[in-house]
N, C-alpha and C. Protein backbone atom coordinates (compact mmCIF):
# COMPACT_ATOMS: atom_id res chain seq x y z
N MET A 1 64.34 15.08 -27.40
CA MET A 1 65.47 15.28 -28.27
C MET A 1 65.46 14.09 -29.27
N TRP A 2 65.57 13.05 -28.89
CA TRP A 2 65.37 11.63 -29.81
C TRP A 2 64.43 11.69 -30.83
N ASP A 3 63.24 11.94 -30.35
CA ASP A 3 61.98 11.85 -31.15
C ASP A 3 62.11 13.04 -32.38
N ALA A 4 62.65 14.32 -31.93
CA ALA A 4 62.80 15.23 -32.80
C ALA A 4 63.77 15.08 -33.63
N LEU A 5 65.05 14.49 -33.36
CA LEU A 5 65.87 14.08 -34.25
C LEU A 5 65.67 12.95 -35.36
N VAL A 6 64.74 12.01 -34.71
CA VAL A 6 64.42 11.31 -35.77
C VAL A 6 63.56 11.66 -36.89
N HIS A 7 62.60 12.66 -36.67
CA HIS A 7 61.83 13.49 -37.41
C HIS A 7 62.74 14.33 -38.60
N ARG A 8 63.72 14.89 -37.87
CA ARG A 8 64.38 15.58 -38.75
C ARG A 8 65.22 14.69 -39.96
N ALA A 9 65.65 13.60 -39.15
CA ALA A 9 66.32 12.49 -40.50
C ALA A 9 65.21 12.12 -41.19
N GLU A 10 64.07 11.86 -41.21
CA GLU A 10 63.14 11.47 -42.04
C GLU A 10 62.72 12.66 -43.02
N ARG A 11 62.76 13.77 -42.85
CA ARG A 11 62.64 14.77 -43.61
C ARG A 11 63.90 15.03 -44.41
N ARG A 12 65.17 14.89 -44.04
CA ARG A 12 66.57 15.21 -44.56
C ARG A 12 67.62 14.17 -43.96
N PRO A 13 68.40 13.42 -44.40
CA PRO A 13 69.15 12.66 -43.74
C PRO A 13 70.50 13.59 -43.00
N LEU A 14 70.71 13.11 -41.82
CA LEU A 14 71.58 13.91 -40.92
C LEU A 14 72.97 13.93 -41.44
N PRO A 15 73.66 15.14 -41.58
CA PRO A 15 75.22 15.24 -42.11
C PRO A 15 75.98 14.63 -41.44
N VAL A 16 76.81 13.79 -42.22
CA VAL A 16 78.14 13.15 -41.51
C VAL A 16 79.15 13.91 -42.18
N PRO A 17 80.03 14.83 -41.54
CA PRO A 17 81.12 15.34 -42.35
C PRO A 17 82.15 14.39 -43.00
N GLY A 18 82.37 14.79 -44.14
CA GLY A 18 83.42 13.68 -44.87
C GLY A 18 82.71 12.45 -45.18
N GLY A 19 81.53 12.14 -45.10
CA GLY A 19 80.82 10.74 -45.43
C GLY A 19 79.44 10.85 -45.66
N ARG A 20 78.83 9.79 -46.22
CA ARG A 20 77.40 9.80 -46.56
C ARG A 20 76.50 10.07 -45.48
N ALA A 21 75.34 10.95 -45.73
CA ALA A 21 74.55 11.51 -44.83
C ALA A 21 73.65 10.08 -43.96
N LEU A 22 73.21 10.17 -42.71
CA LEU A 22 72.85 9.40 -42.08
C LEU A 22 71.14 9.51 -42.21
N THR A 23 70.60 8.39 -43.01
CA THR A 23 68.91 8.36 -42.78
C THR A 23 68.37 7.91 -41.69
N ALA A 24 67.15 8.11 -41.64
CA ALA A 24 66.37 7.94 -40.07
C ALA A 24 66.34 6.52 -39.92
N GLU A 25 66.14 5.67 -40.92
CA GLU A 25 66.32 4.15 -40.71
C GLU A 25 67.76 3.83 -40.16
N GLU A 26 68.65 4.31 -40.49
CA GLU A 26 70.16 4.01 -40.04
C GLU A 26 70.16 4.85 -38.86
N LEU A 27 69.83 5.41 -38.39
CA LEU A 27 69.79 6.37 -37.31
C LEU A 27 69.22 5.33 -36.23
N ARG A 28 68.02 4.84 -36.27
CA ARG A 28 67.36 4.05 -35.53
C ARG A 28 68.21 2.76 -35.31
N TYR A 29 68.71 2.27 -36.37
CA TYR A 29 69.48 0.87 -36.42
C TYR A 29 70.89 0.99 -35.41
N SER A 30 71.36 2.24 -36.03
CA SER A 30 72.73 2.32 -35.01
C SER A 30 72.67 2.51 -33.38
N VAL A 31 71.62 3.34 -33.19
CA VAL A 31 71.36 3.44 -31.81
C VAL A 31 70.68 2.16 -31.34
N TYR A 32 69.80 1.39 -32.09
CA TYR A 32 69.59 -0.12 -31.57
C TYR A 32 70.99 -0.98 -31.25
N ALA A 33 71.84 -0.83 -32.10
CA ALA A 33 73.07 -1.71 -31.82
C ALA A 33 74.05 -1.13 -30.74
N MET A 34 73.79 0.46 -30.60
CA MET A 34 74.66 0.71 -29.19
C MET A 34 73.59 0.31 -28.04
N LEU A 35 72.49 0.06 -28.13
CA LEU A 35 71.49 -0.34 -26.97
C LEU A 35 71.89 -1.48 -26.60
N THR A 36 72.04 -2.57 -27.58
CA THR A 36 72.35 -3.83 -27.20
C THR A 36 73.84 -4.04 -26.58
N LEU A 37 74.60 -2.84 -26.55
CA LEU A 37 75.91 -2.77 -25.67
C LEU A 37 75.72 -1.78 -24.45
N PHE A 38 74.31 -1.77 -24.06
CA PHE A 38 74.39 -0.89 -23.07
C PHE A 38 74.18 -1.52 -21.83
N PRO A 39 74.96 -0.90 -20.62
CA PRO A 39 75.56 0.43 -20.27
C PRO A 39 77.00 0.68 -20.79
N GLU A 40 77.58 -0.42 -21.14
CA GLU A 40 79.02 -0.14 -21.76
C GLU A 40 79.04 1.05 -22.77
N PHE A 41 78.09 1.01 -23.76
CA PHE A 41 78.39 1.96 -24.78
C PHE A 41 77.51 3.31 -24.32
N GLY A 42 77.05 3.30 -23.14
CA GLY A 42 76.02 4.35 -22.68
C GLY A 42 76.23 5.84 -23.35
N GLN A 43 77.58 6.06 -22.42
CA GLN A 43 78.23 7.38 -22.83
C GLN A 43 78.59 7.95 -24.26
N GLY A 44 79.00 6.78 -25.03
CA GLY A 44 79.02 6.91 -26.47
C GLY A 44 77.89 7.19 -27.14
N LEU A 45 76.82 6.54 -26.65
CA LEU A 45 75.27 6.59 -27.27
C LEU A 45 75.05 7.95 -27.08
N ALA A 46 75.21 8.66 -26.03
CA ALA A 46 74.60 9.81 -25.48
C ALA A 46 75.00 10.77 -26.33
N ARG A 47 76.79 10.75 -26.40
CA ARG A 47 77.39 11.74 -27.11
C ARG A 47 76.88 11.54 -28.54
N GLY A 48 76.80 10.64 -29.22
CA GLY A 48 76.44 10.42 -30.65
C GLY A 48 74.99 11.04 -30.69
N ILE A 49 74.15 10.91 -30.03
CA ILE A 49 72.98 11.69 -30.24
C ILE A 49 73.01 12.98 -29.99
N ALA A 50 73.77 13.41 -29.04
CA ALA A 50 73.94 14.72 -28.80
C ALA A 50 74.67 15.69 -30.13
N GLU A 51 75.72 14.93 -30.45
CA GLU A 51 76.56 15.48 -31.84
C GLU A 51 75.71 15.42 -32.87
N ALA A 52 74.86 14.48 -32.99
CA ALA A 52 73.99 14.22 -34.41
C ALA A 52 72.98 15.46 -34.21
N ASP A 53 72.50 15.81 -33.09
CA ASP A 53 71.37 16.87 -32.90
C ASP A 53 72.23 18.21 -33.20
N GLY A 54 73.53 18.34 -33.21
CA GLY A 54 74.46 19.36 -33.72
C GLY A 54 74.78 19.41 -34.94
N ASP A 55 74.49 18.50 -35.70
CA ASP A 55 74.70 18.46 -37.21
C ASP A 55 75.72 17.49 -37.40
N ASP A 56 76.34 16.74 -36.64
CA ASP A 56 77.32 16.11 -36.81
C ASP A 56 77.14 14.36 -36.34
N ALA A 57 77.03 13.73 -37.46
CA ALA A 57 76.42 12.25 -37.16
C ALA A 57 77.43 11.23 -37.33
N SER A 58 78.92 11.77 -37.16
CA SER A 58 79.99 11.32 -37.58
C SER A 58 80.02 9.82 -36.39
N LEU A 59 79.96 9.91 -35.14
CA LEU A 59 79.87 8.99 -34.15
C LEU A 59 78.90 7.61 -34.47
N LEU A 60 77.75 7.99 -34.88
CA LEU A 60 76.46 7.11 -35.28
C LEU A 60 76.74 6.72 -36.66
N GLY A 61 77.47 7.32 -37.68
CA GLY A 61 77.88 7.11 -38.99
C GLY A 61 79.05 6.15 -38.70
N ARG A 62 79.79 5.77 -37.99
CA ARG A 62 80.66 4.92 -37.87
C ARG A 62 79.93 3.61 -37.23
N MET A 63 79.17 3.71 -36.22
CA MET A 63 78.34 2.54 -35.69
C MET A 63 77.64 2.06 -37.13
N ARG A 64 77.11 2.83 -37.92
CA ARG A 64 76.11 2.49 -39.07
C ARG A 64 77.05 1.40 -39.74
N GLU A 65 78.25 1.91 -39.93
CA GLU A 65 78.90 0.85 -40.85
C GLU A 65 79.08 -0.52 -40.07
N GLN A 66 79.35 -0.63 -38.95
CA GLN A 66 79.76 -1.55 -38.23
C GLN A 66 78.47 -2.41 -38.26
N ALA A 67 77.27 -1.87 -38.02
CA ALA A 67 76.26 -2.69 -37.68
C ALA A 67 75.37 -3.07 -38.96
N LEU A 68 75.62 -2.32 -40.06
CA LEU A 68 74.64 -2.70 -41.29
C LEU A 68 75.55 -3.07 -42.39
N TYR A 69 76.65 -2.60 -42.58
CA TYR A 69 77.38 -2.61 -43.78
C TYR A 69 78.94 -3.21 -43.85
N ASP A 70 78.97 -3.96 -42.77
CA ASP A 70 80.51 -4.80 -42.75
C ASP A 70 80.11 -6.22 -43.39
N PRO A 71 80.87 -6.27 -44.64
CA PRO A 71 80.68 -7.29 -45.40
C PRO A 71 81.25 -8.59 -44.56
N ALA A 72 82.26 -8.49 -43.87
CA ALA A 72 82.64 -9.80 -43.24
C ALA A 72 81.47 -10.44 -42.22
N SER A 73 80.71 -9.65 -41.86
CA SER A 73 79.51 -9.98 -40.81
C SER A 73 78.17 -10.19 -41.53
N THR A 74 77.76 -9.19 -41.58
CA THR A 74 76.34 -8.96 -42.22
C THR A 74 75.96 -9.95 -43.22
N ALA A 75 76.63 -10.27 -44.27
CA ALA A 75 76.44 -11.24 -45.36
C ALA A 75 76.09 -12.62 -44.54
N ALA A 76 77.23 -13.05 -43.84
CA ALA A 76 76.93 -14.48 -43.20
C ALA A 76 75.91 -14.49 -42.11
N TYR A 77 75.51 -13.19 -41.22
CA TYR A 77 74.50 -13.31 -40.58
C TYR A 77 73.39 -13.49 -41.02
N ARG A 78 72.98 -13.08 -42.31
CA ARG A 78 71.92 -12.81 -43.00
C ARG A 78 71.58 -14.21 -43.40
N ALA A 79 72.61 -14.88 -44.21
CA ALA A 79 72.63 -16.30 -44.70
C ALA A 79 72.34 -17.23 -44.01
N ILE A 80 72.76 -17.11 -42.25
CA ILE A 80 72.39 -18.10 -41.31
C ILE A 80 71.05 -17.79 -40.84
N LEU A 81 70.52 -16.49 -40.62
CA LEU A 81 69.51 -16.60 -40.07
C LEU A 81 68.12 -16.60 -40.90
N CYS A 82 68.36 -16.66 -42.05
CA CYS A 82 67.60 -16.74 -42.97
C CYS A 82 67.24 -18.41 -43.26
N GLN A 83 68.05 -19.11 -42.67
CA GLN A 83 67.67 -20.49 -42.45
C GLN A 83 66.72 -20.83 -41.21
N ASP A 84 66.69 -19.71 -40.22
CA ASP A 84 66.11 -19.96 -39.14
C ASP A 84 64.87 -19.17 -38.95
N ILE A 85 64.34 -18.25 -39.94
CA ILE A 85 63.32 -17.40 -39.93
C ILE A 85 62.68 -17.53 -41.03
N ASP A 86 61.25 -17.90 -41.13
CA ASP A 86 60.62 -17.76 -42.08
C ASP A 86 59.77 -16.60 -41.82
N PRO A 87 59.84 -15.52 -43.02
CA PRO A 87 58.98 -14.45 -43.09
C PRO A 87 57.63 -14.24 -42.89
N GLN A 88 56.79 -15.11 -43.32
CA GLN A 88 55.68 -15.33 -43.16
C GLN A 88 54.62 -14.18 -43.79
N VAL A 89 55.22 -13.53 -44.73
CA VAL A 89 54.66 -12.20 -45.31
C VAL A 89 54.11 -12.61 -46.83
N SER A 90 52.70 -12.54 -46.70
CA SER A 90 52.01 -12.72 -47.96
C SER A 90 52.07 -11.73 -49.28
N GLY A 91 52.65 -10.55 -49.07
CA GLY A 91 52.55 -9.61 -50.06
C GLY A 91 53.03 -8.17 -49.13
N PHE A 92 52.95 -7.36 -50.08
CA PHE A 92 53.26 -5.86 -49.77
C PHE A 92 52.35 -5.31 -48.36
N GLY A 93 51.08 -5.69 -48.95
CA GLY A 93 49.99 -5.35 -47.91
C GLY A 93 50.15 -5.94 -46.43
N GLU A 94 50.75 -7.08 -46.26
CA GLU A 94 50.79 -7.66 -45.06
C GLU A 94 52.06 -7.07 -44.56
N LEU A 95 53.14 -6.81 -45.26
CA LEU A 95 54.49 -6.02 -44.58
C LEU A 95 53.89 -4.62 -44.22
N ARG A 96 53.35 -3.81 -44.67
CA ARG A 96 52.70 -2.50 -44.18
C ARG A 96 52.03 -2.82 -43.15
N ARG A 97 51.26 -3.86 -43.08
CA ARG A 97 50.24 -3.63 -42.06
C ARG A 97 51.19 -4.11 -40.72
N ARG A 98 52.35 -4.91 -40.76
CA ARG A 98 53.20 -5.27 -39.62
C ARG A 98 53.99 -3.87 -39.26
N GLU A 99 54.24 -3.26 -40.34
CA GLU A 99 55.18 -1.87 -40.11
C GLU A 99 54.17 -0.88 -39.17
N ARG A 100 53.17 -0.90 -39.50
CA ARG A 100 52.13 -0.09 -38.63
C ARG A 100 51.82 -0.40 -37.10
N MET A 101 51.84 -1.86 -37.42
CA MET A 101 51.77 -2.53 -35.85
C MET A 101 52.93 -2.24 -35.00
N VAL A 102 54.25 -2.53 -35.72
CA VAL A 102 55.31 -2.24 -34.82
C VAL A 102 55.65 -0.75 -34.35
N ARG A 103 55.25 0.06 -35.41
CA ARG A 103 55.30 1.74 -34.88
C ARG A 103 54.43 2.01 -33.73
N ARG A 104 53.17 1.30 -33.76
CA ARG A 104 52.44 1.60 -32.61
C ARG A 104 52.90 1.32 -31.67
N ARG A 105 53.48 -0.05 -31.42
CA ARG A 105 54.36 -0.58 -30.42
C ARG A 105 55.72 -0.17 -29.99
N ALA A 106 56.22 0.37 -30.75
CA ALA A 106 57.53 0.87 -30.53
C ALA A 106 57.75 2.26 -31.15
N PRO A 107 56.87 3.31 -30.49
CA PRO A 107 56.72 4.51 -31.25
C PRO A 107 58.09 5.29 -31.53
N HIS A 108 59.15 4.96 -30.40
CA HIS A 108 60.32 5.93 -30.42
C HIS A 108 61.46 5.31 -31.51
N MET A 109 61.24 3.82 -31.65
CA MET A 109 62.13 3.27 -32.47
C MET A 109 61.90 2.76 -33.81
N GLY A 110 60.49 2.78 -33.78
CA GLY A 110 59.75 2.39 -35.17
C GLY A 110 59.82 1.04 -35.54
N GLY A 111 60.03 0.07 -34.09
CA GLY A 111 60.09 -1.02 -34.35
C GLY A 111 61.34 -1.84 -34.83
N THR A 112 62.46 -0.78 -34.94
CA THR A 112 63.91 -1.12 -35.31
C THR A 112 64.05 -2.39 -34.53
N SER A 113 64.76 -3.47 -35.16
CA SER A 113 65.46 -4.60 -34.29
C SER A 113 65.95 -5.52 -35.21
N GLU A 114 66.82 -6.52 -34.74
CA GLU A 114 67.35 -7.59 -35.76
C GLU A 114 66.36 -8.21 -36.37
N PHE A 115 65.24 -8.62 -35.57
CA PHE A 115 64.27 -9.62 -36.25
C PHE A 115 63.30 -9.10 -37.56
N TRP A 116 63.08 -7.70 -37.12
CA TRP A 116 62.58 -7.00 -38.12
C TRP A 116 63.30 -6.98 -39.41
N ASP A 117 64.71 -6.67 -39.21
CA ASP A 117 65.74 -6.62 -40.29
C ASP A 117 65.67 -8.11 -41.18
N MET A 118 65.57 -8.99 -40.13
CA MET A 118 65.78 -10.18 -40.67
C MET A 118 64.44 -10.68 -41.47
N THR A 119 63.45 -10.39 -40.77
CA THR A 119 62.02 -10.55 -41.16
C THR A 119 61.78 -10.04 -42.94
N THR A 120 62.31 -8.88 -43.08
CA THR A 120 62.14 -8.00 -44.56
C THR A 120 63.35 -8.77 -45.16
N GLY A 121 64.69 -8.82 -44.67
CA GLY A 121 65.70 -9.32 -45.39
C GLY A 121 65.50 -10.64 -46.14
N CYS A 122 64.63 -11.66 -45.30
CA CYS A 122 64.72 -13.07 -45.85
C CYS A 122 63.61 -13.21 -46.71
N ILE A 123 62.86 -12.21 -46.88
CA ILE A 123 61.60 -12.48 -47.83
C ILE A 123 62.50 -12.71 -49.21
N GLY A 124 61.93 -13.70 -50.09
CA GLY A 124 62.59 -13.77 -51.34
C GLY A 124 63.98 -14.52 -51.44
N TRP A 125 64.46 -14.96 -50.21
CA TRP A 125 65.63 -15.75 -50.23
C TRP A 125 65.39 -16.82 -50.77
N PRO A 126 66.62 -17.30 -51.47
CA PRO A 126 66.34 -18.44 -52.58
C PRO A 126 66.22 -19.79 -52.07
N VAL A 127 66.60 -19.91 -50.48
CA VAL A 127 66.72 -21.19 -50.23
C VAL A 127 65.57 -21.19 -49.03
N ARG A 128 64.69 -22.01 -48.71
CA ARG A 128 63.79 -21.86 -47.94
C ARG A 128 64.49 -22.28 -46.31
N PRO A 129 63.71 -21.79 -45.44
CA PRO A 129 64.30 -22.13 -44.00
C PRO A 129 64.69 -23.38 -43.57
N SER A 130 65.66 -23.94 -43.28
CA SER A 130 65.49 -25.51 -42.70
C SER A 130 65.08 -25.75 -41.28
N ASP A 131 65.00 -24.62 -40.51
CA ASP A 131 64.63 -24.77 -39.04
C ASP A 131 63.85 -23.43 -38.67
N PRO A 132 62.50 -23.02 -39.12
CA PRO A 132 61.96 -21.84 -38.91
C PRO A 132 61.34 -21.85 -37.61
N GLN A 133 61.02 -20.49 -37.01
CA GLN A 133 60.29 -20.34 -36.08
C GLN A 133 59.34 -21.15 -35.78
N ARG A 134 58.78 -21.83 -34.57
CA ARG A 134 57.63 -22.46 -34.31
C ARG A 134 57.40 -22.73 -32.74
N PRO A 135 56.35 -23.05 -32.45
CA PRO A 135 56.28 -23.63 -30.96
C PRO A 135 57.09 -24.85 -30.64
N VAL A 136 57.64 -24.61 -29.72
CA VAL A 136 58.14 -25.97 -29.32
C VAL A 136 57.53 -26.79 -28.07
N HIS A 137 57.90 -28.01 -27.96
CA HIS A 137 56.86 -29.02 -27.07
C HIS A 137 58.17 -30.26 -26.79
N ILE A 138 58.77 -29.64 -25.87
CA ILE A 138 59.94 -30.56 -25.11
C ILE A 138 59.47 -31.25 -23.63
N ARG A 139 59.67 -32.67 -23.90
CA ARG A 139 59.05 -33.12 -22.63
C ARG A 139 60.28 -34.07 -21.85
N ASP A 140 61.08 -34.44 -22.50
CA ASP A 140 62.23 -35.38 -21.67
C ASP A 140 63.67 -34.96 -21.80
N ALA A 141 63.72 -33.67 -21.81
CA ALA A 141 65.13 -32.94 -21.88
C ALA A 141 65.42 -32.75 -20.05
N PRO A 142 66.90 -32.60 -20.19
CA PRO A 142 67.48 -32.58 -18.67
C PRO A 142 66.97 -31.09 -18.29
N PRO A 143 66.99 -30.73 -17.13
CA PRO A 143 66.86 -29.25 -16.84
C PRO A 143 67.34 -27.98 -17.87
N VAL A 144 66.67 -27.43 -18.03
CA VAL A 144 67.15 -26.34 -19.16
C VAL A 144 66.77 -24.86 -18.16
N LEU A 145 67.86 -24.46 -18.34
CA LEU A 145 68.01 -23.09 -17.97
C LEU A 145 68.05 -21.91 -19.01
N LEU A 146 66.83 -21.02 -18.99
CA LEU A 146 66.85 -19.83 -19.92
C LEU A 146 67.10 -18.61 -19.22
N VAL A 147 67.91 -17.71 -19.72
CA VAL A 147 68.08 -16.35 -18.89
C VAL A 147 67.90 -15.02 -19.80
N GLY A 148 67.07 -14.38 -19.30
CA GLY A 148 66.85 -13.05 -20.05
C GLY A 148 66.75 -12.00 -19.14
N ASN A 149 66.99 -10.78 -19.93
CA ASN A 149 67.11 -9.47 -19.33
C ASN A 149 65.82 -8.55 -19.29
N THR A 150 65.49 -7.83 -18.38
CA THR A 150 64.32 -7.20 -18.22
C THR A 150 64.24 -6.26 -19.24
N HIS A 151 65.51 -5.61 -19.86
CA HIS A 151 65.63 -4.48 -20.73
C HIS A 151 66.31 -4.83 -22.04
N ASP A 152 66.27 -6.22 -22.56
CA ASP A 152 67.12 -6.41 -23.56
C ASP A 152 66.48 -6.05 -24.80
N PRO A 153 67.19 -5.15 -25.98
CA PRO A 153 66.30 -4.75 -26.86
C PRO A 153 66.64 -5.82 -27.90
N ALA A 154 67.32 -6.50 -27.82
CA ALA A 154 67.40 -7.70 -29.04
C ALA A 154 66.49 -8.89 -28.80
N THR A 155 66.91 -9.52 -27.55
CA THR A 155 66.05 -10.95 -27.37
C THR A 155 65.22 -10.36 -25.81
N PRO A 156 63.88 -10.20 -26.03
CA PRO A 156 63.10 -9.65 -25.02
C PRO A 156 63.20 -10.90 -23.93
N LEU A 157 62.85 -10.58 -22.71
CA LEU A 157 62.46 -11.54 -21.57
C LEU A 157 61.40 -12.40 -21.86
N GLY A 158 60.39 -11.71 -22.37
CA GLY A 158 58.93 -12.50 -22.71
C GLY A 158 59.56 -13.82 -23.89
N TRP A 159 60.45 -13.50 -24.53
CA TRP A 159 61.01 -14.50 -25.51
C TRP A 159 61.10 -15.97 -24.56
N ALA A 160 62.18 -15.62 -23.53
CA ALA A 160 62.68 -16.59 -23.07
C ALA A 160 61.42 -17.42 -21.99
N LYS A 161 60.78 -16.56 -21.63
CA LYS A 161 59.21 -16.99 -20.83
C LYS A 161 58.57 -17.95 -21.88
N SER A 162 58.47 -17.51 -23.06
CA SER A 162 57.38 -18.12 -23.71
C SER A 162 58.06 -19.53 -24.27
N LEU A 163 59.36 -19.63 -24.61
CA LEU A 163 60.17 -20.69 -24.56
C LEU A 163 59.94 -21.73 -23.57
N SER A 164 60.12 -21.43 -22.58
CA SER A 164 60.23 -22.07 -20.90
C SER A 164 58.82 -22.86 -21.07
N ARG A 165 57.71 -22.06 -21.53
CA ARG A 165 56.64 -22.83 -21.19
C ARG A 165 56.22 -23.98 -22.08
N GLY A 166 57.36 -24.08 -23.07
CA GLY A 166 57.24 -25.11 -24.23
C GLY A 166 58.44 -26.42 -23.93
N ILE A 167 59.06 -26.13 -22.54
CA ILE A 167 60.19 -27.25 -22.33
C ILE A 167 59.82 -27.67 -20.82
N ARG A 168 59.08 -28.73 -20.84
CA ARG A 168 59.02 -29.23 -19.48
C ARG A 168 59.89 -29.23 -17.93
N GLY A 169 60.03 -28.68 -17.17
CA GLY A 169 60.94 -28.91 -16.32
C GLY A 169 62.08 -27.57 -16.49
N SER A 170 61.66 -26.63 -17.29
CA SER A 170 62.69 -25.61 -17.34
C SER A 170 62.57 -24.35 -16.54
N LYS A 171 63.51 -23.58 -16.41
CA LYS A 171 63.19 -22.34 -15.65
C LYS A 171 63.75 -21.19 -16.07
N VAL A 172 63.21 -20.02 -16.02
CA VAL A 172 63.68 -18.75 -16.12
C VAL A 172 64.44 -18.10 -15.53
N LEU A 173 65.69 -17.40 -15.47
CA LEU A 173 66.42 -16.63 -14.58
C LEU A 173 66.40 -15.16 -15.24
N ALA A 174 65.64 -14.25 -14.37
CA ALA A 174 65.49 -13.04 -15.02
C ALA A 174 66.63 -11.98 -14.48
N TYR A 175 67.39 -11.50 -15.36
CA TYR A 175 68.42 -10.45 -14.88
C TYR A 175 67.50 -8.84 -14.95
N ASP A 176 67.66 -8.30 -13.79
CA ASP A 176 66.77 -6.94 -13.84
C ASP A 176 67.83 -5.98 -14.32
N GLY A 177 68.26 -5.83 -15.60
CA GLY A 177 69.30 -4.87 -16.27
C GLY A 177 69.09 -4.58 -17.61
N ASP A 178 69.91 -3.62 -18.30
CA ASP A 178 69.98 -3.49 -19.52
C ASP A 178 71.14 -4.27 -20.28
N GLY A 179 70.83 -3.96 -21.75
CA GLY A 179 71.76 -4.55 -22.64
C GLY A 179 71.47 -6.06 -23.16
N HIS A 180 72.24 -6.60 -23.79
CA HIS A 180 71.95 -7.85 -24.41
C HIS A 180 72.68 -8.96 -23.97
N THR A 181 71.97 -10.14 -23.15
CA THR A 181 72.66 -11.04 -22.53
C THR A 181 73.17 -10.56 -21.01
N ALA A 182 72.96 -11.51 -20.35
CA ALA A 182 73.46 -11.27 -18.77
C ALA A 182 74.83 -11.93 -18.36
N TYR A 183 75.54 -12.77 -18.96
CA TYR A 183 76.50 -13.55 -18.72
C TYR A 183 77.83 -12.50 -18.65
N LEU A 184 78.61 -12.34 -17.49
CA LEU A 184 79.66 -11.59 -17.49
C LEU A 184 79.29 -9.97 -17.29
N ARG A 185 77.73 -9.73 -17.29
CA ARG A 185 77.30 -8.63 -17.12
C ARG A 185 76.95 -8.18 -15.70
N ASP A 186 76.65 -9.43 -15.03
CA ASP A 186 76.01 -9.01 -13.48
C ASP A 186 76.70 -10.28 -12.71
N ARG A 187 76.91 -9.94 -11.65
CA ARG A 187 77.74 -11.00 -10.53
C ARG A 187 76.58 -12.25 -10.49
N CYS A 188 75.40 -11.87 -10.09
CA CYS A 188 74.41 -12.74 -9.79
C CYS A 188 74.14 -13.71 -10.77
N ALA A 189 73.98 -13.08 -11.97
CA ALA A 189 73.46 -13.86 -13.15
C ALA A 189 74.72 -14.96 -13.66
N THR A 190 75.94 -14.09 -13.48
CA THR A 190 77.17 -14.98 -14.09
C THR A 190 77.39 -16.12 -13.30
N THR A 191 77.01 -16.08 -11.76
CA THR A 191 77.42 -17.03 -10.86
C THR A 191 76.32 -18.03 -11.26
N SER A 192 75.13 -17.83 -11.09
CA SER A 192 73.75 -18.77 -11.30
C SER A 192 74.28 -19.81 -12.76
N ILE A 193 74.67 -18.87 -13.57
CA ILE A 193 74.78 -19.76 -14.86
C ILE A 193 76.11 -20.58 -14.73
N ASP A 194 77.03 -20.14 -14.02
CA ASP A 194 78.20 -21.09 -13.97
C ASP A 194 77.93 -22.30 -13.29
N ASP A 195 76.99 -22.13 -11.95
CA ASP A 195 76.83 -23.38 -11.38
C ASP A 195 75.76 -24.19 -11.96
N TYR A 196 75.05 -23.59 -12.73
CA TYR A 196 74.06 -24.45 -13.70
C TYR A 196 75.02 -25.34 -14.92
N LEU A 197 75.84 -24.61 -15.32
CA LEU A 197 76.76 -25.40 -16.35
C LEU A 197 77.89 -26.60 -15.67
N LEU A 198 78.09 -26.34 -14.67
CA LEU A 198 78.94 -27.24 -13.77
C LEU A 198 78.31 -28.20 -12.95
N THR A 199 77.09 -27.91 -12.43
CA THR A 199 76.53 -29.07 -11.94
C THR A 199 75.06 -29.57 -12.49
N GLY A 200 74.52 -28.69 -13.43
CA GLY A 200 73.58 -29.36 -14.02
C GLY A 200 72.01 -28.86 -13.10
N ALA A 201 72.47 -28.46 -12.04
CA ALA A 201 71.17 -28.00 -11.00
C ALA A 201 70.65 -26.58 -11.34
N LEU A 202 69.45 -26.35 -11.55
CA LEU A 202 68.84 -25.20 -11.90
C LEU A 202 68.97 -23.95 -10.49
N PRO A 203 69.00 -22.90 -10.54
CA PRO A 203 69.20 -22.01 -9.40
C PRO A 203 67.84 -22.00 -8.74
N THR A 204 67.94 -21.64 -7.68
CA THR A 204 66.84 -21.64 -6.82
C THR A 204 66.11 -20.34 -6.96
N ILE A 205 66.72 -19.39 -6.87
CA ILE A 205 66.43 -17.97 -7.40
C ILE A 205 65.72 -17.58 -8.82
N LYS A 206 64.62 -17.00 -8.82
CA LYS A 206 64.00 -16.46 -10.05
C LYS A 206 64.72 -15.18 -10.78
N SER A 207 65.22 -14.27 -9.80
CA SER A 207 65.85 -13.18 -10.67
C SER A 207 66.73 -12.75 -9.96
N CYS A 208 67.81 -12.11 -10.80
CA CYS A 208 69.05 -11.33 -10.26
C CYS A 208 68.68 -9.84 -10.18
N PRO A 209 68.90 -8.88 -9.33
CA PRO A 209 68.86 -7.42 -9.40
C PRO A 209 70.21 -7.15 -10.08
N ALA A 210 70.10 -5.81 -10.61
CA ALA A 210 71.33 -5.40 -11.18
C ALA A 210 72.44 -4.94 -10.21
N ASP A 211 73.45 -5.26 -10.57
CA ASP A 211 74.74 -4.80 -9.70
C ASP A 211 74.61 -3.50 -9.31
N PRO A 212 74.99 -3.08 -8.00
CA PRO A 212 74.70 -1.51 -7.53
C PRO A 212 76.06 -0.96 -8.18
């Protein structure tokens, strides 16, 4: 159903009764935003997709406004992240090459993510990034705990592992679950993080299974 719905939206935006139709890109990003809040938004996500398939994308249209067009948050978010992200895009050809690459790697979502949004949105930003992405080489820090979810659509577990390789003495705690962030989402992860913050000692375990 999902792939067929996206293809329909690419041909013609999905109707939102009483509002502006939902484009395919907005559809993907609205669902992406709800996936970051999964499983809490799981039922709403399923209902939104089913209703959009029945020609009423109102629920996903409301999420679109929160995720993409809330002036109180989106403008500030863009301005802050453009200080941290260097798009490193040489021109339109390079951007199209990246688009084809992410569509191959994420065919159901077309590579939709906050990082892709910021990569394209920060092109031509009038202020150069002050702290752009780069490899880190940290040797003398106290023990550092990094936490990642196995199914996090916003910040993949691989990022935590990659960062850990650049911080001597650090450790990655993997939460085997969905959604964005593990704290307060899982008992094992929350307890491990609390213990680390209170004592400074890294947990002895490497992973937390999802709560039953």
